[in-house]
Every structure is written in structure tokens, then in C-alpha cells.
Amino acid sequence: MTEHAAKPSSSTPSSSPTSQGAGPSDAVVEGVFDLAREGRTGPLGEMLDAGVPLDVLNGRGDSLLIVASYAQHPDTVRELLERGAATAIVNAMGQTAVSCAVFRGNEEILRTLLDANADPDLGAHPAVLIADQFSLPRMREVIESYGAVGD
């Protein structure tokens, strides 16, 4: 895994809401991703309340939930989930919020995502494979405790 979720891309794919004119500007999107990355849950919520789409994607296909999970901000992850953030978004690198939580070894965020019915088998990097690849047996145990066994 790379730190792709750590910073938004400066380019936005043509299919993103920001390039179609209907969504927030690229600068607003970048700012919202900064808030998620920094765990600034209150200001992030204000931006969402002001109309920034909950499942907006950056140029790498990361969602706010993926970025908050990778950056290890459990309060932000919980807030996004409470607002209905999609747990099934797979970014351009084949990663999900669950795979980011496993890679970072964050059991609290992993459990929060699994409690929200996030699928640990989604993406090019299923969570169990990440746990095994990076020798994270506790992460594998948590995933298995939710009934996901992976192969």
C-alpha cells in the first residue's frame, strides 16, 4: 500500500462532480479532503451541511471515508458513517476504507467500518490479504470475528 490517500491529486478525472460544473470547485473539494485527512470532524460536517456531497471523490478516487480511515481519525469515520457515507467505494488503487484501516492496523476504525456492514472483500486488496501480507494477525482475527474469512 502506498500513501495515496494522504494527499489529493491536483487533477480531477472528467467523470468527477467537480469537473462537470454541478459540484463544488476543485479548491473546495481539496479543502474538504484536508479536513478529513486532519480529522477536523466539526468543520467537515459544516462543509457537508453546506452542500458538499458526502461521497465526493478526489482525483485518485478516494472518498472522504477512505481518507479519514487511512489518516486514522475514528471520530471522523464515525461521523461520515452516521451521515450515510458509502463503504463500498474502491479508489483507483483498488483500496477501500476497510483495507486502509487494516493496513494502518487501526482496530477501532476497522470495527467501526465492519459494524457499518462494510465489505472486507471489496477492492483489489481484500482486507484479509492485506493483514496477511503485512503480518497483521490481529487485523485478520477481527475480520474473521465478523464472519469474513477471505482466502
Protein backbone atom coordinates (compact mmCIF):
# COMPACT_ATOMS: atom_id res chain seq x y z
CA MET A 1 0.00 0.00 0.00
CA THR A 2 1.11 3.47 -0.67
CA GLU A 3 0.24 6.72 0.98
CA HIS A 4 -2.03 7.58 -1.94
CA ALA A 5 -4.81 8.55 0.44
CA ALA A 6 -2.57 11.01 2.21
CA LYS A 7 -2.92 13.80 -0.35
CA PRO A 8 -5.48 14.56 -3.04
CA SER A 9 -4.39 14.68 -6.62
CA SER A 10 -4.21 18.05 -8.27
CA SER A 11 -6.09 16.70 -11.26
CA THR A 12 -9.70 15.65 -11.23
CA PRO A 13 -10.98 12.98 -13.61
CA SER A 14 -13.54 14.15 -16.14
CA SER A 15 -16.22 11.99 -14.52
CA SER A 16 -15.98 13.72 -11.15
CA PRO A 17 -18.67 16.12 -9.95
CA THR A 18 -16.14 18.93 -9.66
CA SER A 19 -15.33 18.99 -13.36
CA GLN A 20 -18.94 18.91 -14.51
CA GLY A 21 -19.77 22.30 -13.06
CA ALA A 22 -22.60 20.93 -10.89
CA GLY A 23 -20.48 20.29 -7.83
CA PRO A 24 -18.13 22.23 -5.62
CA SER A 25 -14.98 23.78 -7.02
CA ASP A 26 -11.71 21.88 -7.01
CA ALA A 27 -10.45 24.19 -4.24
CA VAL A 28 -13.46 23.36 -2.05
CA VAL A 29 -13.02 19.65 -2.67
CA GLU A 30 -9.32 19.87 -1.81
CA GLY A 31 -10.19 21.75 1.38
CA VAL A 32 -12.77 19.17 2.39
CA PHE A 33 -10.28 16.37 1.88
CA ASP A 34 -7.78 18.30 4.03
CA LEU A 35 -10.40 18.42 6.80
CA ALA A 36 -10.97 14.65 6.57
CA ARG A 37 -7.22 13.98 6.49
CA GLU A 38 -6.66 16.19 9.55
CA GLY A 39 -9.59 14.73 11.50
CA ARG A 40 -11.37 18.07 11.72
CA THR A 41 -14.78 16.48 12.09
CA GLY A 42 -16.74 19.61 13.07
CA PRO A 43 -15.65 21.79 10.15
CA LEU A 44 -16.01 18.82 7.79
CA GLY A 45 -19.60 18.38 8.94
CA GLU A 46 -20.24 22.06 8.32
CA MET A 47 -18.99 21.73 4.76
CA LEU A 48 -21.18 18.69 4.19
CA ASP A 49 -24.15 20.58 5.66
CA ALA A 50 -23.37 23.42 3.24
CA GLY A 51 -23.78 21.08 0.29
CA VAL A 52 -20.50 19.31 -0.42
CA PRO A 53 -21.51 15.78 -1.48
CA LEU A 54 -20.84 13.17 1.19
CA ASP A 55 -19.27 10.75 -1.28
CA VAL A 56 -17.28 13.26 -3.31
CA LEU A 57 -14.12 11.76 -4.80
CA ASN A 58 -10.71 13.30 -5.28
CA GLY A 59 -8.58 12.79 -8.36
CA ARG A 60 -7.40 9.39 -7.12
CA GLY A 61 -10.88 8.13 -6.48
CA ASP A 62 -10.57 8.42 -2.71
CA SER A 63 -13.71 9.20 -0.76
CA LEU A 64 -13.71 11.22 2.45
CA LEU A 65 -14.25 7.92 4.30
CA ILE A 66 -11.17 6.35 2.70
CA VAL A 67 -9.03 9.37 3.57
CA ALA A 68 -10.31 9.57 7.16
CA SER A 69 -9.72 5.83 7.61
CA TYR A 70 -6.20 5.99 6.22
CA ALA A 71 -5.39 9.04 8.34
CA GLN A 72 -6.70 7.19 11.42
CA HIS A 73 -9.44 9.56 12.59
CA PRO A 74 -12.10 7.37 14.22
CA ASP A 75 -14.41 10.27 15.15
CA THR A 76 -14.40 11.48 11.56
CA VAL A 77 -15.03 7.95 10.28
CA ARG A 78 -17.98 7.58 12.67
CA GLU A 79 -19.44 10.94 11.65
CA LEU A 80 -19.17 10.11 7.95
CA LEU A 81 -20.83 6.73 8.51
CA GLU A 82 -23.61 8.30 10.58
CA ARG A 83 -24.26 10.64 7.68
CA GLY A 84 -24.52 7.64 5.33
CA ALA A 85 -21.12 7.58 3.64
CA ALA A 86 -20.76 4.73 1.16
CA THR A 87 -18.49 1.99 2.45
CA ALA A 88 -18.20 0.26 -0.94
CA ILE A 89 -16.16 2.90 -2.76
CA VAL A 90 -13.00 1.48 -4.29
CA ASN A 91 -10.35 4.02 -5.27
CA ALA A 92 -8.12 3.95 -8.34
CA MET A 93 -5.57 1.83 -6.45
CA GLY A 94 -8.21 -0.80 -5.63
CA GLN A 95 -8.37 0.21 -1.96
CA THR A 96 -11.34 0.74 0.33
CA ALA A 97 -11.79 2.33 3.75
CA VAL A 98 -11.59 -1.17 5.26
CA SER A 99 -8.35 -2.02 3.50
CA CYS A 100 -6.86 1.30 4.67
CA ALA A 101 -7.88 0.62 8.29
CA VAL A 102 -6.29 -2.83 8.13
CA PHE A 103 -3.10 -1.56 6.51
CA ARG A 104 -2.77 1.08 9.23
CA GLY A 105 -3.50 -1.52 11.92
CA ASN A 106 -6.36 0.53 13.35
CA GLU A 107 -8.69 -1.90 15.08
CA GLU A 108 -11.12 0.78 16.26
CA ILE A 109 -11.72 2.07 12.75
CA LEU A 110 -11.84 -1.46 11.31
CA ARG A 111 -14.54 -2.45 13.82
CA THR A 112 -16.47 0.75 13.16
CA LEU A 113 -16.48 0.03 9.43
CA LEU A 114 -17.40 -3.63 9.87
CA ASP A 115 -20.19 -2.63 12.28
CA ALA A 116 -21.49 -0.45 9.43
CA ASN A 117 -21.52 -3.57 7.20
CA ALA A 118 -18.50 -2.56 5.12
CA ASP A 119 -17.39 -5.48 2.96
CA PRO A 120 -13.80 -6.52 3.73
CA ASP A 121 -13.59 -8.45 0.45
CA LEU A 122 -14.06 -5.45 -1.86
CA GLY A 123 -11.31 -4.00 -3.97
CA ALA A 124 -8.12 -5.28 -5.48
CA HIS A 125 -6.69 -5.61 -1.97
CA PRO A 126 -9.14 -7.53 0.25
CA ALA A 127 -8.61 -6.85 3.93
CA VAL A 128 -7.55 -10.38 4.92
CA LEU A 129 -4.88 -10.42 2.21
CA ILE A 130 -3.53 -7.10 3.46
CA ALA A 131 -3.48 -8.43 7.02
CA ASP A 132 -1.56 -11.50 5.89
CA GLN A 133 0.80 -9.61 3.56
CA PHE A 134 1.82 -7.15 6.27
CA SER A 135 1.83 -9.66 9.14
CA LEU A 136 -1.12 -8.14 10.98
CA PRO A 137 -2.67 -11.20 12.67
CA ARG A 138 -4.87 -9.12 14.98
CA MET A 139 -6.48 -7.43 11.99
CA ARG A 140 -7.18 -10.85 10.47
CA GLU A 141 -8.72 -12.01 13.76
CA VAL A 142 -11.03 -9.00 13.83
CA ILE A 143 -12.14 -9.54 10.25
CA GLU A 144 -12.75 -13.24 10.91
CA SER A 145 -14.73 -12.40 14.06
CA TYR A 146 -17.21 -10.63 11.79
CA GLY A 147 -17.66 -13.77 9.71
CA ALA A 148 -15.38 -12.80 6.84
CA VAL A 149 -12.74 -15.44 6.26
CA GLY A 150 -11.08 -14.43 2.99
CA ASP A 151 -8.84 -16.78 1.05
